[in-house]
N, C-alpha and C. Protein backbone atom coordinates (compact mmCIF):
# COMPACT_ATOMS: atom_id res chain seq x y z
N VAL A 1 0.85 -1.18 0.00
CA VAL A 1 0.00 0.00 0.00
C VAL A 1 0.89 1.24 0.00
N GLU A 2 0.58 2.13 -0.90
CA GLU A 2 1.35 3.37 -1.02
C GLU A 2 0.42 4.55 -0.73
N GLU A 3 0.91 5.49 0.05
CA GLU A 3 0.12 6.67 0.40
C GLU A 3 0.49 7.82 -0.51
N ARG A 4 -0.52 8.48 -1.10
CA ARG A 4 -0.29 9.65 -1.94
C ARG A 4 -1.28 10.74 -1.57
N THR A 5 -0.92 11.96 -1.86
CA THR A 5 -1.82 13.07 -1.57
C THR A 5 -2.87 13.19 -2.68
N LEU A 6 -3.96 13.85 -2.34
CA LEU A 6 -4.97 14.16 -3.35
C LEU A 6 -5.50 15.55 -3.09
N GLY A 7 -6.08 16.12 -4.10
CA GLY A 7 -6.62 17.47 -3.96
C GLY A 7 -7.68 17.70 -5.01
N GLY A 8 -8.48 18.69 -4.77
CA GLY A 8 -9.51 19.00 -5.75
C GLY A 8 -10.57 19.90 -5.18
N GLY A 9 -11.53 20.19 -6.01
CA GLY A 9 -12.64 21.02 -5.57
C GLY A 9 -13.48 21.43 -6.76
N TRP A 10 -14.49 22.19 -6.48
CA TRP A 10 -15.35 22.70 -7.55
C TRP A 10 -15.92 24.04 -7.11
N ALA A 11 -16.32 24.82 -8.09
CA ALA A 11 -16.98 26.10 -7.84
C ALA A 11 -18.10 26.24 -8.85
N GLN A 12 -19.20 26.82 -8.40
CA GLN A 12 -20.34 27.01 -9.30
C GLN A 12 -20.88 28.41 -9.15
N LEU A 13 -21.20 29.03 -10.28
CA LEU A 13 -21.83 30.33 -10.32
C LEU A 13 -23.18 30.17 -11.01
N MET A 14 -24.20 30.78 -10.45
CA MET A 14 -25.51 30.74 -11.09
C MET A 14 -26.27 32.02 -10.74
N TYR A 15 -27.23 32.36 -11.60
CA TYR A 15 -28.02 33.55 -11.37
C TYR A 15 -29.45 33.26 -11.82
N LYS A 16 -30.42 33.52 -10.97
CA LYS A 16 -31.83 33.26 -11.30
C LYS A 16 -32.49 34.56 -11.73
N ILE A 17 -33.09 34.53 -12.92
CA ILE A 17 -33.83 35.67 -13.45
C ILE A 17 -35.31 35.29 -13.41
N ASP A 18 -36.07 35.94 -12.54
CA ASP A 18 -37.49 35.61 -12.34
C ASP A 18 -38.40 36.35 -13.30
N ASN A 19 -39.52 35.71 -13.62
CA ASN A 19 -40.64 36.31 -14.35
C ASN A 19 -40.23 37.12 -15.59
N ILE A 20 -39.58 36.44 -16.53
CA ILE A 20 -39.22 37.11 -17.79
C ILE A 20 -40.28 36.76 -18.83
N GLY A 21 -41.00 37.73 -19.26
CA GLY A 21 -42.05 37.47 -20.25
C GLY A 21 -43.10 36.53 -19.69
N TRP A 22 -43.40 35.49 -20.42
CA TRP A 22 -44.42 34.53 -19.99
C TRP A 22 -43.82 33.32 -19.26
N THR A 23 -42.49 33.32 -19.04
CA THR A 23 -41.86 32.19 -18.36
C THR A 23 -41.70 32.43 -16.87
N GLN A 24 -41.51 31.35 -16.15
CA GLN A 24 -41.33 31.40 -14.69
C GLN A 24 -39.94 31.94 -14.32
N ALA A 25 -38.86 31.31 -14.88
CA ALA A 25 -37.50 31.71 -14.52
C ALA A 25 -36.49 31.19 -15.54
N LEU A 26 -35.35 31.85 -15.58
CA LEU A 26 -34.21 31.44 -16.40
C LEU A 26 -33.00 31.44 -15.48
N ILE A 27 -32.24 30.33 -15.47
CA ILE A 27 -31.11 30.20 -14.55
C ILE A 27 -29.86 29.79 -15.33
N PRO A 28 -29.03 30.74 -15.75
CA PRO A 28 -27.75 30.37 -16.37
C PRO A 28 -26.75 29.98 -15.27
N TYR A 29 -25.84 29.03 -15.59
CA TYR A 29 -24.86 28.61 -14.59
C TYR A 29 -23.56 28.16 -15.25
N ALA A 30 -22.50 28.16 -14.46
CA ALA A 30 -21.19 27.65 -14.86
C ALA A 30 -20.60 26.91 -13.67
N ARG A 31 -20.00 25.75 -13.94
CA ARG A 31 -19.40 24.95 -12.87
C ARG A 31 -18.02 24.47 -13.33
N ALA A 32 -17.02 24.63 -12.49
CA ALA A 32 -15.66 24.17 -12.78
C ALA A 32 -15.27 23.14 -11.73
N THR A 33 -14.66 22.04 -12.19
CA THR A 33 -14.23 20.96 -11.30
C THR A 33 -12.77 20.64 -11.57
N TRP A 34 -12.03 20.36 -10.49
CA TRP A 34 -10.63 19.95 -10.61
C TRP A 34 -10.38 18.85 -9.57
N TYR A 35 -9.71 17.79 -9.98
CA TYR A 35 -9.35 16.71 -9.06
C TYR A 35 -8.00 16.14 -9.44
N ASP A 36 -7.15 15.92 -8.46
CA ASP A 36 -5.83 15.32 -8.65
C ASP A 36 -5.63 14.32 -7.54
N GLY A 37 -5.75 13.03 -7.87
CA GLY A 37 -5.60 12.00 -6.86
C GLY A 37 -5.84 10.62 -7.45
N GLY A 38 -6.01 9.65 -6.59
CA GLY A 38 -6.21 8.28 -7.02
C GLY A 38 -7.62 8.01 -7.50
N LYS A 39 -7.74 7.04 -8.38
CA LYS A 39 -9.04 6.59 -8.87
C LYS A 39 -9.29 5.24 -8.20
N LYS A 40 -9.92 5.28 -7.01
CA LYS A 40 -9.94 4.12 -6.11
C LYS A 40 -10.70 2.92 -6.63
N PHE A 41 -11.62 3.08 -7.57
CA PHE A 41 -12.38 1.93 -8.05
C PHE A 41 -11.67 1.21 -9.20
N GLU A 42 -10.45 1.62 -9.55
CA GLU A 42 -9.65 0.90 -10.54
C GLU A 42 -8.52 0.16 -9.83
N THR A 43 -8.07 -0.93 -10.42
CA THR A 43 -6.98 -1.72 -9.85
C THR A 43 -5.75 -0.85 -9.65
N THR A 44 -5.15 -0.91 -8.50
CA THR A 44 -3.98 -0.15 -8.05
C THR A 44 -4.23 1.35 -7.89
N ALA A 45 -5.46 1.79 -8.01
CA ALA A 45 -5.85 3.20 -7.83
C ALA A 45 -4.88 4.16 -8.50
N PRO A 46 -4.82 4.17 -9.84
CA PRO A 46 -3.85 5.02 -10.53
C PRO A 46 -4.14 6.51 -10.33
N LYS A 47 -3.07 7.31 -10.49
CA LYS A 47 -3.21 8.77 -10.40
C LYS A 47 -4.16 9.23 -11.50
N HIS A 48 -5.05 10.14 -11.13
CA HIS A 48 -6.10 10.59 -12.04
C HIS A 48 -6.23 12.10 -11.91
N ILE A 49 -6.17 12.82 -13.03
CA ILE A 49 -6.34 14.27 -13.02
C ILE A 49 -7.56 14.60 -13.87
N VAL A 50 -8.48 15.36 -13.29
CA VAL A 50 -9.71 15.75 -13.99
C VAL A 50 -9.84 17.27 -13.97
N LYS A 51 -10.07 17.85 -15.13
CA LYS A 51 -10.39 19.27 -15.27
C LYS A 51 -11.65 19.34 -16.11
N GLU A 52 -12.67 19.99 -15.58
CA GLU A 52 -13.96 20.00 -16.25
C GLU A 52 -14.63 21.37 -16.11
N LEU A 53 -15.24 21.84 -17.19
CA LEU A 53 -15.99 23.09 -17.18
C LEU A 53 -17.35 22.83 -17.81
N VAL A 54 -18.41 23.20 -17.09
CA VAL A 54 -19.78 23.00 -17.55
C VAL A 54 -20.46 24.37 -17.65
N LEU A 55 -21.07 24.64 -18.80
CA LEU A 55 -21.85 25.86 -19.01
C LEU A 55 -23.26 25.43 -19.34
N GLY A 56 -24.24 26.01 -18.68
CA GLY A 56 -25.60 25.58 -18.93
C GLY A 56 -26.63 26.62 -18.58
N VAL A 57 -27.87 26.28 -18.94
CA VAL A 57 -29.00 27.14 -18.60
C VAL A 57 -30.21 26.27 -18.30
N GLU A 58 -30.93 26.63 -17.26
CA GLU A 58 -32.18 25.96 -16.90
C GLU A 58 -33.30 26.96 -17.17
N TRP A 59 -34.31 26.49 -17.89
CA TRP A 59 -35.43 27.34 -18.27
C TRP A 59 -36.69 26.76 -17.67
N GLN A 60 -37.30 27.45 -16.74
CA GLN A 60 -38.54 27.01 -16.11
C GLN A 60 -39.70 27.70 -16.83
N LEU A 61 -40.28 26.98 -17.78
CA LEU A 61 -41.38 27.54 -18.57
C LEU A 61 -42.60 27.83 -17.70
N ILE A 62 -43.00 26.83 -16.96
CA ILE A 62 -44.06 26.95 -15.96
C ILE A 62 -43.56 26.21 -14.73
N LYS A 63 -44.29 26.30 -13.64
CA LYS A 63 -43.82 25.70 -12.38
C LYS A 63 -43.57 24.19 -12.52
N ALA A 64 -44.32 23.51 -13.40
CA ALA A 64 -44.23 22.05 -13.51
C ALA A 64 -43.31 21.58 -14.64
N LEU A 65 -42.70 22.48 -15.40
CA LEU A 65 -41.90 22.08 -16.56
C LEU A 65 -40.58 22.84 -16.60
N GLU A 66 -39.47 22.08 -16.64
CA GLU A 66 -38.13 22.67 -16.73
C GLU A 66 -37.39 22.06 -17.91
N ILE A 67 -36.63 22.89 -18.61
CA ILE A 67 -35.77 22.43 -19.70
C ILE A 67 -34.34 22.86 -19.36
N VAL A 68 -33.40 21.93 -19.48
CA VAL A 68 -31.99 22.21 -19.18
C VAL A 68 -31.16 21.89 -20.41
N ALA A 69 -30.26 22.81 -20.77
CA ALA A 69 -29.28 22.57 -21.83
C ALA A 69 -27.90 22.84 -21.22
N GLU A 70 -26.95 21.94 -21.51
CA GLU A 70 -25.65 22.01 -20.85
C GLU A 70 -24.55 21.63 -21.84
N TYR A 71 -23.42 22.33 -21.77
CA TYR A 71 -22.24 22.03 -22.58
C TYR A 71 -21.10 21.72 -21.63
N ASP A 72 -20.50 20.55 -21.76
CA ASP A 72 -19.48 20.05 -20.83
C ASP A 72 -18.17 19.87 -21.57
N MET A 73 -17.10 20.50 -21.08
CA MET A 73 -15.75 20.34 -21.64
C MET A 73 -14.90 19.64 -20.59
N ALA A 74 -14.38 18.46 -20.90
CA ALA A 74 -13.65 17.68 -19.90
C ALA A 74 -12.27 17.27 -20.44
N HIS A 75 -11.30 17.22 -19.53
CA HIS A 75 -9.96 16.73 -19.83
C HIS A 75 -9.55 15.83 -18.67
N ARG A 76 -9.30 14.56 -18.97
CA ARG A 76 -8.95 13.59 -17.93
C ARG A 76 -7.66 12.86 -18.32
N LYS A 77 -6.79 12.70 -17.34
CA LYS A 77 -5.55 11.94 -17.54
C LYS A 77 -5.49 10.85 -16.49
N VAL A 78 -5.15 9.64 -16.92
CA VAL A 78 -4.98 8.51 -16.00
C VAL A 78 -3.57 7.99 -16.20
N TYR A 79 -2.79 7.98 -15.11
CA TYR A 79 -1.39 7.56 -15.17
C TYR A 79 -1.29 6.10 -14.72
N THR A 80 -1.24 5.19 -15.67
CA THR A 80 -0.99 3.78 -15.38
C THR A 80 0.35 3.45 -16.04
N LYS A 81 0.55 2.21 -16.48
CA LYS A 81 1.80 1.89 -17.18
C LYS A 81 1.96 2.76 -18.42
N SER A 82 0.85 3.10 -19.03
CA SER A 82 0.86 4.07 -20.13
C SER A 82 -0.13 5.19 -19.77
N LEU A 83 0.06 6.33 -20.35
CA LEU A 83 -0.78 7.49 -20.04
C LEU A 83 -2.04 7.47 -20.91
N TYR A 84 -3.19 7.55 -20.27
CA TYR A 84 -4.44 7.71 -20.99
C TYR A 84 -4.84 9.18 -20.88
N ASP A 85 -4.86 9.86 -22.00
CA ASP A 85 -5.19 11.28 -22.03
C ASP A 85 -6.49 11.43 -22.81
N GLU A 86 -7.57 11.77 -22.11
CA GLU A 86 -8.88 11.84 -22.74
C GLU A 86 -9.40 13.26 -22.70
N LYS A 87 -9.86 13.76 -23.84
CA LYS A 87 -10.48 15.08 -23.93
C LYS A 87 -11.82 14.89 -24.62
N GLY A 88 -12.83 15.62 -24.15
CA GLY A 88 -14.12 15.47 -24.78
C GLY A 88 -15.05 16.62 -24.51
N HIS A 89 -16.08 16.70 -25.35
CA HIS A 89 -17.12 17.71 -25.23
C HIS A 89 -18.46 16.99 -25.29
N VAL A 90 -19.37 17.37 -24.43
CA VAL A 90 -20.68 16.73 -24.36
C VAL A 90 -21.76 17.81 -24.32
N ILE A 91 -22.80 17.62 -25.10
CA ILE A 91 -23.98 18.48 -25.02
C ILE A 91 -25.09 17.63 -24.42
N ARG A 92 -25.73 18.16 -23.38
CA ARG A 92 -26.78 17.41 -22.68
C ARG A 92 -28.03 18.27 -22.64
N CYS A 93 -29.16 17.63 -22.94
CA CYS A 93 -30.46 18.30 -22.85
C CYS A 93 -31.38 17.44 -21.98
N GLN A 94 -32.22 18.10 -21.21
CA GLN A 94 -33.12 17.40 -20.30
C GLN A 94 -34.44 18.14 -20.20
N ILE A 95 -35.52 17.40 -20.22
CA ILE A 95 -36.85 17.94 -19.95
C ILE A 95 -37.36 17.27 -18.69
N GLN A 96 -37.80 18.06 -17.74
CA GLN A 96 -38.24 17.52 -16.45
C GLN A 96 -39.63 18.04 -16.10
N PHE A 97 -40.49 17.11 -15.74
CA PHE A 97 -41.84 17.44 -15.27
C PHE A 97 -41.87 17.30 -13.76
N ASN A 98 -42.31 18.33 -13.07
CA ASN A 98 -42.42 18.30 -11.60
C ASN A 98 -43.90 18.17 -11.22
N TYR A 99 -44.15 17.39 -10.19
CA TYR A 99 -45.53 17.22 -9.74
C TYR A 99 -45.63 17.38 -8.24
């Protein structure tokens, strides 16, 4: 067993704009994540570095209906016998009904 340090954190900014036109609310947001440490659910818990930025907006059309659109930019490195360097972009959309 080898002991190593880890570090990380996240920050999120959001702003709610109420009663714009005929809609309930509009909530733009940004979230940044950083992690440097072991990936414990993999064999030998290799060093793992994650940098991620998410930009999105939640649109509450009416109290019972929300639409979310999000753009995610991620960069992940896993240090095993060889380096896995993964970069990607994801667009996510969600419609949610509240009752």
